[in-house]
N, C-alpha and C. Protein backbone atom coordinates (compact mmCIF):
# COMPACT_ATOMS: atom_id res chain seq x y z
N MET A 1 45.78 5.71 51.84
CA MET A 1 46.50 5.14 50.73
C MET A 1 47.26 6.27 50.04
N SER A 2 48.53 6.06 49.80
CA SER A 2 49.38 7.07 49.18
C SER A 2 49.45 6.86 47.67
N THR A 3 49.43 7.93 46.94
CA THR A 3 49.63 7.86 45.50
C THR A 3 50.98 8.48 45.18
N LEU A 4 51.47 8.18 44.01
CA LEU A 4 52.79 8.67 43.61
C LEU A 4 52.85 10.18 43.66
N SER A 5 51.79 10.84 43.23
CA SER A 5 51.82 12.30 43.19
C SER A 5 51.89 12.91 44.59
N ASN A 6 51.50 12.17 45.61
CA ASN A 6 51.53 12.68 46.98
C ASN A 6 52.75 12.19 47.75
N ALA A 7 53.55 11.33 47.16
CA ALA A 7 54.70 10.78 47.87
C ALA A 7 55.75 11.84 48.14
N THR A 8 56.31 11.79 49.33
CA THR A 8 57.36 12.75 49.70
C THR A 8 58.70 12.06 49.90
N ASN A 9 58.72 10.74 49.80
CA ASN A 9 59.96 9.99 50.06
C ASN A 9 60.56 9.43 48.77
N ILE A 10 60.43 10.16 47.68
CA ILE A 10 60.99 9.75 46.40
C ILE A 10 62.14 10.68 46.06
N PHE A 11 63.28 10.12 45.71
CA PHE A 11 64.47 10.91 45.43
C PHE A 11 65.02 10.55 44.05
N TRP A 12 65.56 11.55 43.36
CA TRP A 12 66.16 11.33 42.05
C TRP A 12 67.44 10.52 42.20
N GLN A 13 67.62 9.51 41.38
CA GLN A 13 68.83 8.67 41.40
C GLN A 13 69.71 9.05 40.22
N ASP A 14 70.85 9.67 40.51
CA ASP A 14 71.80 10.00 39.45
C ASP A 14 72.61 8.77 39.08
N CYS A 15 72.99 8.70 37.81
CA CYS A 15 73.83 7.61 37.31
C CYS A 15 75.08 8.22 36.68
N GLN A 16 76.15 7.43 36.64
CA GLN A 16 77.40 7.91 36.08
C GLN A 16 77.28 8.10 34.56
N LEU A 17 76.51 7.25 33.92
CA LEU A 17 76.33 7.32 32.48
C LEU A 17 75.03 8.02 32.16
N GLY A 18 75.11 9.00 31.32
CA GLY A 18 73.92 9.73 30.93
C GLY A 18 73.79 9.82 29.43
N LYS A 19 72.93 10.70 29.02
CA LYS A 19 72.66 10.86 27.59
C LYS A 19 73.92 11.21 26.79
N PRO A 20 74.77 12.12 27.24
CA PRO A 20 75.97 12.44 26.44
C PRO A 20 76.88 11.23 26.21
N GLU A 21 77.04 10.39 27.21
CA GLU A 21 77.89 9.21 27.08
C GLU A 21 77.29 8.21 26.09
N ARG A 22 75.98 8.03 26.13
CA ARG A 22 75.32 7.11 25.20
C ARG A 22 75.39 7.65 23.76
N GLN A 23 75.22 8.94 23.61
CA GLN A 23 75.32 9.54 22.28
C GLN A 23 76.71 9.35 21.70
N LYS A 24 77.71 9.54 22.53
CA LYS A 24 79.09 9.38 22.06
C LYS A 24 79.35 7.93 21.67
N LEU A 25 78.90 6.98 22.46
CA LEU A 25 79.08 5.56 22.17
C LEU A 25 78.44 5.17 20.84
N LEU A 26 77.23 5.66 20.60
CA LEU A 26 76.48 5.29 19.39
C LEU A 26 76.76 6.21 18.21
N ASN A 27 77.42 7.34 18.47
CA ASN A 27 77.65 8.36 17.45
C ASN A 27 76.33 8.79 16.79
N GLN A 28 75.33 8.97 17.62
CA GLN A 28 74.04 9.49 17.18
C GLN A 28 73.33 10.03 18.40
N LYS A 29 72.38 10.91 18.16
CA LYS A 29 71.59 11.47 19.24
C LYS A 29 70.27 10.72 19.33
N GLY A 30 69.76 10.60 20.52
CA GLY A 30 68.47 9.94 20.70
C GLY A 30 67.33 10.82 20.23
N CYS A 31 66.39 10.23 19.57
CA CYS A 31 65.20 10.96 19.17
C CYS A 31 64.07 9.96 18.95
N VAL A 32 62.87 10.45 18.94
CA VAL A 32 61.69 9.65 18.68
C VAL A 32 61.06 10.16 17.40
N VAL A 33 60.77 9.27 16.49
CA VAL A 33 60.05 9.61 15.27
C VAL A 33 58.67 8.97 15.40
N TRP A 34 57.68 9.78 15.64
CA TRP A 34 56.31 9.30 15.82
C TRP A 34 55.59 9.44 14.48
N ILE A 35 55.18 8.31 13.91
CA ILE A 35 54.50 8.31 12.62
C ILE A 35 53.01 8.14 12.88
N THR A 36 52.23 9.11 12.42
CA THR A 36 50.80 9.09 12.67
C THR A 36 50.04 9.16 11.35
N GLY A 37 48.86 8.62 11.34
CA GLY A 37 48.01 8.63 10.15
C GLY A 37 46.96 7.54 10.27
N LEU A 38 46.07 7.53 9.33
CA LEU A 38 45.01 6.52 9.30
C LEU A 38 45.59 5.13 9.07
N SER A 39 44.82 4.12 9.44
CA SER A 39 45.17 2.75 9.11
C SER A 39 45.27 2.64 7.59
N GLY A 40 46.34 2.03 7.11
CA GLY A 40 46.52 1.88 5.67
C GLY A 40 47.22 3.06 5.01
N SER A 41 47.63 4.06 5.81
CA SER A 41 48.27 5.25 5.22
C SER A 41 49.74 5.01 4.89
N GLY A 42 50.32 3.94 5.43
CA GLY A 42 51.71 3.63 5.13
C GLY A 42 52.66 3.80 6.31
N LYS A 43 52.11 3.88 7.51
CA LYS A 43 52.95 4.10 8.70
C LYS A 43 53.98 2.98 8.88
N SER A 44 53.53 1.74 8.87
CA SER A 44 54.45 0.61 9.07
C SER A 44 55.42 0.47 7.91
N THR A 45 54.95 0.73 6.70
CA THR A 45 55.82 0.68 5.54
C THR A 45 56.95 1.70 5.67
N LEU A 46 56.59 2.92 6.06
CA LEU A 46 57.60 3.96 6.27
C LEU A 46 58.54 3.56 7.40
N ALA A 47 58.00 3.06 8.51
CA ALA A 47 58.84 2.68 9.65
C ALA A 47 59.88 1.64 9.25
N CYS A 48 59.47 0.63 8.52
CA CYS A 48 60.40 -0.43 8.10
C CYS A 48 61.44 0.10 7.12
N SER A 49 61.01 0.93 6.19
CA SER A 49 61.93 1.51 5.21
C SER A 49 62.92 2.45 5.90
N LEU A 50 62.43 3.26 6.82
CA LEU A 50 63.29 4.17 7.57
C LEU A 50 64.30 3.41 8.41
N SER A 51 63.85 2.37 9.09
CA SER A 51 64.75 1.55 9.91
C SER A 51 65.85 0.93 9.04
N SER A 52 65.49 0.46 7.87
CA SER A 52 66.46 -0.14 6.96
C SER A 52 67.48 0.90 6.48
N GLU A 53 66.99 2.09 6.15
CA GLU A 53 67.89 3.16 5.70
C GLU A 53 68.84 3.58 6.82
N LEU A 54 68.34 3.70 8.03
CA LEU A 54 69.20 4.06 9.17
C LEU A 54 70.23 2.97 9.42
N TYR A 55 69.81 1.73 9.34
CA TYR A 55 70.72 0.59 9.53
C TYR A 55 71.86 0.63 8.50
N SER A 56 71.51 0.94 7.25
CA SER A 56 72.54 0.99 6.20
C SER A 56 73.55 2.09 6.47
N ARG A 57 73.20 3.06 7.30
CA ARG A 57 74.10 4.14 7.67
C ARG A 57 74.79 3.88 9.01
N GLY A 58 74.57 2.68 9.56
CA GLY A 58 75.19 2.34 10.84
C GLY A 58 74.51 2.96 12.05
N LYS A 59 73.24 3.30 11.91
CA LYS A 59 72.49 3.92 13.01
C LYS A 59 71.49 2.93 13.58
N LEU A 60 71.38 2.92 14.90
CA LEU A 60 70.47 2.00 15.58
C LEU A 60 69.08 2.62 15.70
N SER A 61 68.08 1.80 15.48
CA SER A 61 66.70 2.23 15.67
C SER A 61 65.89 1.01 16.08
N TYR A 62 64.70 1.26 16.58
CA TYR A 62 63.81 0.16 16.94
C TYR A 62 62.39 0.60 16.63
N ILE A 63 61.62 -0.29 16.05
CA ILE A 63 60.24 0.01 15.67
C ILE A 63 59.29 -0.54 16.73
N LEU A 64 58.41 0.32 17.20
CA LEU A 64 57.30 -0.10 18.05
C LEU A 64 56.04 0.01 17.21
N ASP A 65 55.68 -1.07 16.55
CA ASP A 65 54.52 -1.08 15.66
C ASP A 65 53.26 -1.39 16.47
N GLY A 66 52.23 -0.60 16.24
CA GLY A 66 50.99 -0.75 17.00
C GLY A 66 50.39 -2.14 16.91
N ASP A 67 50.35 -2.72 15.71
CA ASP A 67 49.77 -4.05 15.56
C ASP A 67 50.63 -5.10 16.27
N ASN A 68 51.94 -4.98 16.16
CA ASN A 68 52.82 -5.94 16.83
C ASN A 68 52.64 -5.88 18.34
N LEU A 69 52.49 -4.67 18.88
CA LEU A 69 52.29 -4.54 20.32
C LEU A 69 50.96 -5.15 20.76
N ARG A 70 49.99 -5.17 19.87
CA ARG A 70 48.69 -5.74 20.20
C ARG A 70 48.70 -7.27 20.21
N HIS A 71 49.82 -7.86 19.84
CA HIS A 71 49.97 -9.32 19.97
C HIS A 71 50.47 -9.71 21.36
N GLY A 72 50.96 -8.74 22.11
CA GLY A 72 51.53 -9.05 23.42
C GLY A 72 51.04 -8.09 24.48
N LEU A 73 51.82 -7.07 24.74
CA LEU A 73 51.55 -6.10 25.80
C LEU A 73 50.13 -5.55 25.76
N ASN A 74 49.61 -5.32 24.58
CA ASN A 74 48.31 -4.67 24.44
C ASN A 74 47.25 -5.56 23.81
N LYS A 75 47.39 -6.88 23.99
CA LYS A 75 46.47 -7.80 23.33
C LYS A 75 45.03 -7.71 23.83
N ASP A 76 44.83 -7.08 24.97
CA ASP A 76 43.48 -6.97 25.52
C ASP A 76 42.76 -5.69 25.06
N LEU A 77 43.38 -4.93 24.16
CA LEU A 77 42.81 -3.66 23.76
C LEU A 77 42.17 -3.73 22.38
N GLY A 78 41.10 -2.98 22.22
CA GLY A 78 40.45 -2.86 20.92
C GLY A 78 40.84 -1.55 20.26
N PHE A 79 39.90 -0.95 19.53
CA PHE A 79 40.22 0.26 18.79
C PHE A 79 39.37 1.46 19.21
N LYS A 80 38.60 1.31 20.30
CA LYS A 80 37.85 2.46 20.79
C LYS A 80 38.85 3.54 21.22
N ALA A 81 38.36 4.77 21.31
CA ALA A 81 39.24 5.90 21.65
C ALA A 81 40.01 5.64 22.94
N GLU A 82 39.33 5.13 23.96
CA GLU A 82 40.02 4.89 25.24
C GLU A 82 41.04 3.75 25.13
N ASP A 83 40.78 2.77 24.27
CA ASP A 83 41.74 1.68 24.06
C ASP A 83 42.97 2.19 23.32
N ARG A 84 42.76 3.07 22.35
CA ARG A 84 43.90 3.64 21.63
C ARG A 84 44.75 4.50 22.57
N THR A 85 44.10 5.24 23.45
CA THR A 85 44.84 6.05 24.44
C THR A 85 45.63 5.13 25.36
N GLU A 86 45.03 4.05 25.81
CA GLU A 86 45.72 3.10 26.69
C GLU A 86 46.85 2.41 25.96
N ASN A 87 46.67 2.12 24.67
CA ASN A 87 47.71 1.51 23.85
C ASN A 87 48.96 2.39 23.87
N ILE A 88 48.77 3.68 23.70
CA ILE A 88 49.90 4.61 23.72
C ILE A 88 50.47 4.72 25.13
N ARG A 89 49.62 4.80 26.14
CA ARG A 89 50.10 4.95 27.52
C ARG A 89 50.99 3.78 27.92
N ARG A 90 50.59 2.58 27.57
CA ARG A 90 51.39 1.40 27.93
C ARG A 90 52.70 1.33 27.17
N THR A 91 52.69 1.85 25.98
CA THR A 91 53.84 1.74 25.09
C THR A 91 54.88 2.81 25.34
N VAL A 92 54.42 4.00 25.62
CA VAL A 92 55.32 5.15 25.59
C VAL A 92 56.06 5.32 26.90
N ILE A 93 57.21 4.71 26.98
CA ILE A 93 58.20 5.00 28.01
C ILE A 93 59.46 5.29 27.22
N TRP A 94 59.61 6.54 26.81
CA TRP A 94 60.71 6.92 25.94
C TRP A 94 61.82 7.53 26.75
N ILE A 95 63.02 7.24 26.37
CA ILE A 95 64.18 7.94 26.90
C ILE A 95 64.79 8.62 25.69
N ALA A 96 64.34 9.82 25.46
CA ALA A 96 64.77 10.54 24.27
C ALA A 96 64.64 12.04 24.51
N GLY A 97 65.47 12.77 23.84
CA GLY A 97 65.44 14.21 24.00
C GLY A 97 64.62 14.91 22.93
N VAL A 98 64.21 14.18 21.93
CA VAL A 98 63.57 14.83 20.78
C VAL A 98 62.35 14.04 20.35
N TYR A 99 61.34 14.73 19.94
CA TYR A 99 60.10 14.14 19.47
C TYR A 99 59.78 14.78 18.13
N SER A 100 59.85 14.01 17.07
CA SER A 100 59.54 14.51 15.74
C SER A 100 58.33 13.74 15.21
N LYS A 101 57.33 14.49 14.80
CA LYS A 101 56.10 13.85 14.32
C LYS A 101 56.08 13.84 12.80
N VAL A 102 55.80 12.66 12.25
CA VAL A 102 55.63 12.48 10.82
C VAL A 102 54.16 12.18 10.58
N PHE A 103 53.51 12.99 9.78
CA PHE A 103 52.09 12.82 9.49
C PHE A 103 51.93 12.22 8.10
N MET A 104 51.42 11.00 8.07
CA MET A 104 51.10 10.33 6.80
C MET A 104 49.73 10.86 6.37
N ASN A 105 49.74 11.94 5.64
CA ASN A 105 48.52 12.63 5.25
C ASN A 105 47.96 12.02 3.97
N MET A 106 47.38 10.85 4.12
CA MET A 106 46.79 10.14 2.98
C MET A 106 45.27 10.18 3.11
N PRO A 107 44.57 10.36 2.00
CA PRO A 107 43.12 10.44 2.07
C PRO A 107 42.48 9.12 2.50
N LEU A 108 41.36 9.24 3.19
CA LEU A 108 40.62 8.05 3.64
C LEU A 108 40.32 7.11 2.48
N SER A 109 39.98 7.67 1.34
CA SER A 109 39.64 6.83 0.18
C SER A 109 40.83 5.94 -0.23
N LEU A 110 42.03 6.48 -0.18
CA LEU A 110 43.22 5.68 -0.51
C LEU A 110 43.45 4.59 0.54
N CYS A 111 43.36 4.98 1.80
CA CYS A 111 43.57 4.01 2.89
C CYS A 111 42.55 2.89 2.81
N GLU A 112 41.31 3.27 2.53
CA GLU A 112 40.25 2.27 2.44
C GLU A 112 40.45 1.37 1.22
N ALA A 113 40.94 1.93 0.13
CA ALA A 113 41.20 1.12 -1.07
C ALA A 113 42.35 0.14 -0.82
N ARG A 114 43.35 0.57 -0.07
CA ARG A 114 44.47 -0.32 0.26
C ARG A 114 43.99 -1.42 1.20
N ASP A 115 43.42 -1.02 2.32
CA ASP A 115 42.87 -1.91 3.35
C ASP A 115 43.64 -3.23 3.48
N PRO A 116 44.95 -3.17 3.75
CA PRO A 116 45.77 -4.38 3.74
C PRO A 116 45.34 -5.45 4.75
N LYS A 117 44.66 -5.04 5.80
CA LYS A 117 44.26 -6.01 6.83
C LYS A 117 42.76 -6.28 6.83
N GLY A 118 42.03 -5.65 5.90
CA GLY A 118 40.59 -5.85 5.82
C GLY A 118 39.82 -5.16 6.93
N LEU A 119 40.46 -4.21 7.61
CA LEU A 119 39.81 -3.57 8.76
C LEU A 119 38.71 -2.60 8.34
N TYR A 120 38.92 -1.87 7.27
CA TYR A 120 37.87 -0.94 6.81
C TYR A 120 36.62 -1.71 6.41
N LYS A 121 36.81 -2.81 5.71
CA LYS A 121 35.68 -3.64 5.29
C LYS A 121 34.90 -4.10 6.51
N LEU A 122 35.61 -4.56 7.55
CA LEU A 122 34.96 -5.01 8.78
C LEU A 122 34.26 -3.85 9.48
N ALA A 123 34.92 -2.68 9.51
CA ALA A 123 34.31 -1.51 10.16
C ALA A 123 33.05 -1.07 9.42
N ARG A 124 33.12 -1.06 8.11
CA ARG A 124 31.94 -0.67 7.31
C ARG A 124 30.80 -1.66 7.50
N ALA A 125 31.12 -2.92 7.77
CA ALA A 125 30.10 -3.95 8.00
C ALA A 125 29.61 -3.94 9.45
N GLY A 126 30.16 -3.05 10.27
CA GLY A 126 29.75 -2.96 11.67
C GLY A 126 30.37 -4.01 12.57
N LYS A 127 31.37 -4.74 12.08
CA LYS A 127 32.01 -5.78 12.88
C LYS A 127 33.14 -5.25 13.76
N ILE A 128 33.62 -4.05 13.46
CA ILE A 128 34.58 -3.36 14.32
C ILE A 128 33.94 -2.03 14.69
N LYS A 129 33.77 -1.80 15.98
CA LYS A 129 33.18 -0.55 16.45
C LYS A 129 34.31 0.40 16.88
N GLY A 130 34.10 1.68 16.65
CA GLY A 130 35.07 2.68 17.07
C GLY A 130 36.32 2.70 16.21
N PHE A 131 36.18 2.37 14.94
CA PHE A 131 37.34 2.33 14.06
C PHE A 131 37.66 3.74 13.56
N THR A 132 38.90 4.14 13.74
CA THR A 132 39.32 5.49 13.38
C THR A 132 39.09 5.76 11.90
N GLY A 133 38.43 6.88 11.63
CA GLY A 133 38.17 7.29 10.26
C GLY A 133 36.81 6.85 9.76
N ILE A 134 36.20 5.87 10.42
CA ILE A 134 34.88 5.39 9.99
C ILE A 134 33.83 5.84 11.00
N ASP A 135 33.78 5.23 12.18
CA ASP A 135 32.79 5.67 13.16
C ASP A 135 33.45 6.30 14.39
N ASP A 136 34.74 6.58 14.30
CA ASP A 136 35.45 7.32 15.32
C ASP A 136 36.35 8.30 14.58
N PRO A 137 36.42 9.53 15.04
CA PRO A 137 37.18 10.52 14.27
C PRO A 137 38.69 10.30 14.33
N TYR A 138 39.35 10.71 13.27
CA TYR A 138 40.81 10.81 13.27
C TYR A 138 41.14 12.28 13.38
N GLU A 139 41.97 12.62 14.33
CA GLU A 139 42.34 14.01 14.53
C GLU A 139 43.75 14.22 14.00
N PRO A 140 43.88 14.81 12.82
CA PRO A 140 45.22 15.05 12.28
C PRO A 140 46.01 15.95 13.21
N PRO A 141 47.31 15.78 13.24
CA PRO A 141 48.11 16.64 14.13
C PRO A 141 48.04 18.10 13.70
N LEU A 142 48.02 18.98 14.68
CA LEU A 142 48.01 20.41 14.38
C LEU A 142 49.39 20.86 13.91
N ASN A 143 50.41 20.25 14.47
CA ASN A 143 51.78 20.57 14.10
C ASN A 143 52.53 19.28 13.86
N CYS A 144 53.32 19.24 12.82
CA CYS A 144 54.18 18.10 12.59
C CYS A 144 55.44 18.60 11.90
N GLU A 145 56.52 17.90 12.13
CA GLU A 145 57.78 18.29 11.52
C GLU A 145 57.86 17.84 10.06
N ILE A 146 57.22 16.73 9.75
CA ILE A 146 57.27 16.18 8.40
C ILE A 146 55.86 15.75 8.01
N GLU A 147 55.46 16.14 6.82
CA GLU A 147 54.17 15.69 6.29
C GLU A 147 54.44 14.95 4.98
N ILE A 148 53.89 13.76 4.89
CA ILE A 148 54.04 12.96 3.68
C ILE A 148 52.66 12.78 3.08
N LYS A 149 52.54 13.16 1.82
CA LYS A 149 51.24 13.07 1.16
C LYS A 149 51.43 12.75 -0.31
N GLU A 150 50.31 12.49 -0.96
CA GLU A 150 50.34 12.21 -2.39
C GLU A 150 50.81 13.46 -3.14
N ASP A 151 51.42 13.23 -4.29
CA ASP A 151 51.80 14.31 -5.18
C ASP A 151 51.10 14.06 -6.51
N SER A 152 50.13 14.89 -6.82
CA SER A 152 49.32 14.72 -8.03
C SER A 152 48.69 13.33 -8.09
N GLY A 153 48.19 12.86 -6.93
CA GLY A 153 47.52 11.57 -6.86
C GLY A 153 48.44 10.37 -6.78
N VAL A 154 49.74 10.60 -6.69
CA VAL A 154 50.71 9.51 -6.63
C VAL A 154 51.37 9.49 -5.26
N CYS A 155 51.37 8.31 -4.63
CA CYS A 155 52.01 8.16 -3.33
C CYS A 155 53.52 8.03 -3.52
N PRO A 156 54.29 8.66 -2.64
CA PRO A 156 55.73 8.47 -2.73
C PRO A 156 56.11 7.03 -2.39
N THR A 157 57.21 6.55 -2.94
CA THR A 157 57.67 5.20 -2.65
C THR A 157 58.19 5.14 -1.22
N PRO A 158 58.30 3.95 -0.64
CA PRO A 158 58.86 3.83 0.71
C PRO A 158 60.25 4.45 0.82
N ASN A 159 61.10 4.27 -0.20
CA ASN A 159 62.45 4.85 -0.14
C ASN A 159 62.42 6.37 -0.17
N VAL A 160 61.53 6.94 -0.95
CA VAL A 160 61.40 8.40 -0.99
C VAL A 160 60.91 8.93 0.36
N MET A 161 59.93 8.24 0.95
CA MET A 161 59.42 8.66 2.26
C MET A 161 60.52 8.58 3.31
N ALA A 162 61.25 7.46 3.33
CA ALA A 162 62.33 7.29 4.31
C ALA A 162 63.40 8.35 4.08
N GLY A 163 63.71 8.63 2.82
CA GLY A 163 64.71 9.66 2.51
C GLY A 163 64.33 11.02 3.05
N LYS A 164 63.05 11.34 2.99
CA LYS A 164 62.57 12.62 3.52
C LYS A 164 62.79 12.70 5.04
N VAL A 165 62.51 11.60 5.74
CA VAL A 165 62.70 11.59 7.19
C VAL A 165 64.18 11.62 7.53
N VAL A 166 64.99 10.85 6.83
CA VAL A 166 66.43 10.83 7.08
C VAL A 166 67.03 12.22 6.82
N SER A 167 66.61 12.87 5.77
CA SER A 167 67.10 14.23 5.48
C SER A 167 66.79 15.17 6.62
N TYR A 168 65.58 15.06 7.16
CA TYR A 168 65.20 15.88 8.31
C TYR A 168 66.10 15.58 9.52
N LEU A 169 66.31 14.30 9.80
CA LEU A 169 67.13 13.92 10.95
C LEU A 169 68.57 14.40 10.76
N GLU A 170 69.08 14.32 9.54
CA GLU A 170 70.43 14.82 9.26
C GLU A 170 70.49 16.33 9.45
N GLU A 171 69.51 17.03 8.90
CA GLU A 171 69.46 18.49 8.99
C GLU A 171 69.46 18.95 10.44
N LYS A 172 68.77 18.20 11.29
CA LYS A 172 68.67 18.56 12.71
C LYS A 172 69.86 18.05 13.52
N GLY A 173 70.74 17.27 12.89
CA GLY A 173 71.94 16.80 13.57
C GLY A 173 71.76 15.57 14.45
N TYR A 174 70.68 14.82 14.25
CA TYR A 174 70.41 13.66 15.10
C TYR A 174 71.21 12.42 14.70
N LEU A 175 71.75 12.42 13.50
CA LEU A 175 72.47 11.23 13.02
C LEU A 175 73.97 11.34 13.22
N GLU A 176 74.36 12.31 14.01
CA GLU A 176 75.77 12.44 14.38
C GLU A 176 75.83 12.93 15.82
N CYS A 177 76.99 12.80 16.39
CA CYS A 177 77.11 13.22 17.79
C CYS A 177 77.93 14.47 17.90
């Protein structure tokens, strides 16, 4: 039985249209903004606010929200470490030249107090096993391009968070071609 890594009859297929042509058409460069943080830290809120801000500037974006993906492609997955890894593996087929990580560095106490989906309550009651931050560790990124956190105990608004990410993308030249 042959596996892909052992295959010798695979050849690269060149296409007439590549990344430069797509960038010129869209007047923007491709990039991935990966938002990471605990459940309830504001990842989806930031993603929606950022998408809206980019749209208002005539820039195309698409949100791959973890919960939304679990309604379809990943509906058979739970929250154990291996399920979270599989969730990312199934989702991540990116065609992008840039990877920028945004770390929603919000304390567990804040996330648990927000608990918009009631997941922390269920995890604390033992009804969800392997929940990140409760009985499974959350590993903050060692390196990130953008860190969003409370300022003197106050969370930034969605517009302020989106503005910080947009400023970074502008500074790096991703919003122009």
